Amino acid sequence: MSRKEKKTDYASELEKSFKRWEYLKEHGGSDPSYSDGVNMNLVRNHILYFKHKIESGMSEKDYPQIYFCKTPPETDRDYMARADEIRGNARSSLEIMEQDENLLYLRERIRELSDRQIKDMNILVVINYPKALHTAIAEDDLITMRRFENTDNYLESFRRTAEKAAMAEPEENLQLSMF
């Protein structure tokens, strides 16, 4: 059976969508660009779509039980689950990052590197992670703060970049960076 011929189990998809909506409402998602409210409304649209497909493909007496579950309401597009937890985690993450020895090393080492070396190693991007998080906290930008909840990737980025910077030889006849 080809992919086009495969029949979609709309009842199963509907059930998955209801569960996804509930999960987003309680735990939130991990979308790096959109709020939980936006994603909940997207899932709500999926629920409406699957209900429509059930209506157009079967008689009412054959509707699956899940069809009769109430469609979730539209959600405020700025809604974020765990908002207070995200704020607390962001403050903790910022503290951890600001104390990281590799970040502190990079902030010192950047003064000895050329503009080309800084660009090639993406040092400015890496050392500005804490600044981005600080700004997100100040602006109560929960979507950005959520991206920083797990500091492991950022700390690893500090480590890798510090290793590269430590191995970099001073470039002769090049003006050193003013950073």
Protein backbone atom coordinates (compact mmCIF):
# COMPACT_ATOMS: atom_id res chain seq x y z
CA MET A 1 0.00 0.00 0.00
CA SER A 2 1.51 3.32 -1.03
CA ARG A 3 1.74 6.25 1.34
CA LYS A 4 -1.14 8.00 -0.44
CA GLU A 5 -3.34 4.93 -0.16
CA LYS A 6 -2.67 4.44 3.54
CA LYS A 7 -5.77 5.32 5.50
CA THR A 8 -5.28 7.68 8.43
CA ASP A 9 -6.70 6.58 11.76
CA TYR A 10 -8.33 9.88 12.67
CA ALA A 11 -9.59 8.60 16.01
CA SER A 12 -6.02 7.75 17.04
CA GLU A 13 -4.72 11.08 15.77
CA LEU A 14 -7.50 12.87 17.63
CA GLU A 15 -6.60 11.08 20.85
CA LYS A 16 -2.91 11.98 20.44
CA SER A 17 -3.86 15.61 19.85
CA PHE A 18 -6.01 15.79 22.98
CA LYS A 19 -3.13 14.33 25.01
CA ARG A 20 -0.65 16.74 23.43
CA TRP A 21 -2.88 19.74 24.21
CA GLU A 22 -3.19 18.66 27.86
CA TYR A 23 0.56 18.10 28.10
CA LEU A 24 1.30 21.56 26.72
CA LYS A 25 -1.19 23.12 29.13
CA GLU A 26 0.40 21.50 32.17
CA HIS A 27 4.08 21.07 31.31
CA GLY A 28 4.63 23.35 28.35
CA GLY A 29 6.67 22.61 25.29
CA SER A 30 10.18 23.26 24.13
CA ASP A 31 9.57 25.30 20.99
CA PRO A 32 12.43 27.80 20.81
CA SER A 33 10.37 30.43 19.01
CA TYR A 34 6.75 30.16 20.07
CA SER A 35 4.81 30.26 23.30
CA ASP A 36 2.88 27.32 24.69
CA GLY A 37 -0.35 29.19 23.88
CA VAL A 38 0.53 29.39 20.19
CA ASN A 39 1.36 25.68 20.13
CA MET A 40 -1.81 24.80 22.07
CA ASN A 41 -3.87 26.65 19.47
CA LEU A 42 -2.08 24.78 16.71
CA VAL A 43 -2.92 21.47 18.38
CA ARG A 44 -6.50 22.69 18.86
CA ASN A 45 -6.67 23.25 15.10
CA HIS A 46 -5.48 19.68 14.59
CA ILE A 47 -8.30 18.49 16.86
CA LEU A 48 -10.84 20.43 14.80
CA TYR A 49 -9.36 19.02 11.58
CA PHE A 50 -9.50 15.42 12.81
CA LYS A 51 -13.08 15.88 14.02
CA HIS A 52 -14.01 17.24 10.59
CA LYS A 53 -12.36 14.26 8.89
CA ILE A 54 -14.33 11.89 11.13
CA GLU A 55 -17.56 13.75 10.33
CA SER A 56 -16.93 13.60 6.61
CA GLY A 57 -15.83 9.98 6.59
CA MET A 58 -18.37 8.14 8.75
CA SER A 59 -21.91 8.21 9.93
CA GLU A 60 -22.57 9.73 13.36
CA LYS A 61 -23.46 6.37 14.90
CA ASP A 62 -19.92 5.14 14.06
CA TYR A 63 -18.04 8.11 15.53
CA PRO A 64 -15.35 7.00 17.98
CA GLN A 65 -15.81 7.91 21.64
CA ILE A 66 -12.90 10.39 21.52
CA TYR A 67 -14.85 12.46 18.99
CA PHE A 68 -17.32 13.46 21.72
CA CYS A 69 -14.66 14.97 23.98
CA LYS A 70 -15.04 18.72 24.23
CA THR A 71 -12.71 20.65 21.93
CA PRO A 72 -10.28 22.69 24.04
CA PRO A 73 -10.85 26.45 24.09
CA GLU A 74 -8.62 28.86 22.25
CA THR A 75 -5.67 29.80 24.42
CA ASP A 76 -4.10 33.22 24.95
CA ARG A 77 -1.17 33.26 22.56
CA ASP A 78 1.14 34.52 25.35
CA TYR A 79 0.31 31.64 27.70
CA MET A 80 3.32 29.79 29.08
CA ALA A 81 3.07 26.79 31.37
CA ARG A 82 5.43 26.75 34.35
CA ALA A 83 6.06 30.51 34.04
CA ASP A 84 7.37 30.92 37.61
CA GLU A 85 9.51 27.79 37.29
CA ILE A 86 11.01 29.08 34.03
CA ARG A 87 11.83 32.42 35.68
CA GLY A 88 13.53 30.70 38.62
CA ASN A 89 15.47 28.35 36.34
CA ALA A 90 16.58 31.30 34.21
CA ARG A 91 18.00 33.13 37.23
CA SER A 92 19.81 29.97 38.31
CA SER A 93 21.14 29.38 34.80
CA LEU A 94 22.45 32.93 34.58
CA GLU A 95 24.27 32.53 37.89
CA ILE A 96 25.82 29.23 36.77
CA MET A 97 26.92 30.70 33.44
CA GLU A 98 28.40 33.85 34.94
CA GLN A 99 30.57 31.74 37.27
CA ASP A 100 31.77 29.32 34.60
CA GLU A 101 35.56 29.28 34.42
CA ASN A 102 35.58 28.81 30.64
CA LEU A 103 33.38 31.84 30.08
CA LEU A 104 35.58 33.91 32.40
CA TYR A 105 38.64 32.69 30.49
CA LEU A 106 37.07 33.63 27.13
CA ARG A 107 36.27 37.12 28.37
CA GLU A 108 39.93 37.62 29.17
CA ARG A 109 41.39 35.75 26.19
CA ILE A 110 39.35 37.68 23.63
CA ARG A 111 41.59 40.71 24.22
CA GLU A 112 44.55 38.79 22.84
CA LEU A 113 42.89 37.51 19.69
CA SER A 114 42.51 39.11 16.31
CA ASP A 115 39.13 40.06 14.93
CA ARG A 116 39.42 37.19 12.44
CA GLN A 117 40.13 34.65 15.19
CA ILE A 118 37.22 35.95 17.24
CA LYS A 119 34.91 35.64 14.24
CA ASP A 120 36.19 32.20 13.22
CA MET A 121 35.65 30.82 16.72
CA ASN A 122 32.26 32.56 17.21
CA ILE A 123 33.54 33.88 20.51
CA LEU A 124 31.25 36.92 20.57
CA VAL A 125 28.20 34.72 20.09
CA VAL A 126 29.29 32.40 22.88
CA ILE A 127 30.22 35.03 25.43
CA ASN A 128 26.95 36.88 24.78
CA TYR A 129 24.73 33.96 25.89
CA PRO A 130 24.58 35.31 29.46
CA LYS A 131 23.79 38.80 28.16
CA ALA A 132 20.90 37.40 26.10
CA LEU A 133 19.59 35.57 29.14
CA HIS A 134 19.97 38.67 31.32
CA THR A 135 17.95 40.67 28.77
CA ALA A 136 15.28 37.95 28.62
CA ILE A 137 14.96 38.01 32.40
CA ALA A 138 14.72 41.81 32.45
CA GLU A 139 12.04 41.76 29.73
CA ASP A 140 10.26 38.71 31.20
CA ASP A 141 10.71 36.92 27.86
CA LEU A 142 9.67 33.43 28.94
CA ILE A 143 10.29 31.86 25.53
CA THR A 144 13.94 32.91 25.54
CA MET A 145 14.35 32.07 29.23
CA ARG A 146 13.03 28.57 28.55
CA ARG A 147 15.81 28.02 25.98
CA PHE A 148 18.35 28.58 28.75
CA GLU A 149 16.78 26.24 31.32
CA ASN A 150 19.28 23.50 30.60
CA THR A 151 22.71 25.09 30.90
CA ASP A 152 24.63 21.97 29.84
CA ASN A 153 24.73 22.91 26.16
CA TYR A 154 25.85 26.44 26.94
CA LEU A 155 28.54 25.30 29.36
CA GLU A 156 29.76 22.82 26.76
CA SER A 157 29.90 25.62 24.21
CA PHE A 158 31.98 27.69 26.64
CA ARG A 159 34.32 24.73 27.16
CA ARG A 160 34.80 23.93 23.45
CA THR A 161 35.34 27.58 22.55
CA ALA A 162 37.79 28.08 25.42
CA GLU A 163 39.78 25.07 24.19
CA LYS A 164 39.96 26.56 20.69
CA ALA A 165 40.94 29.96 22.07
CA ALA A 166 43.65 28.42 24.24
CA MET A 167 45.19 26.75 21.20
CA ALA A 168 45.05 29.87 19.03
CA GLU A 169 48.42 31.36 18.24
CA PRO A 170 48.70 35.13 18.11
CA GLU A 171 48.53 36.30 14.51
CA GLU A 172 51.50 38.35 13.43
CA ASN A 173 51.05 41.75 11.83
CA LEU A 174 47.39 41.88 12.73
CA GLN A 175 45.78 44.41 15.00
CA LEU A 176 44.42 42.85 18.16
CA SER A 177 40.74 43.12 18.90
CA MET A 178 39.53 45.97 21.05
CA PHE A 179 37.30 43.54 22.94
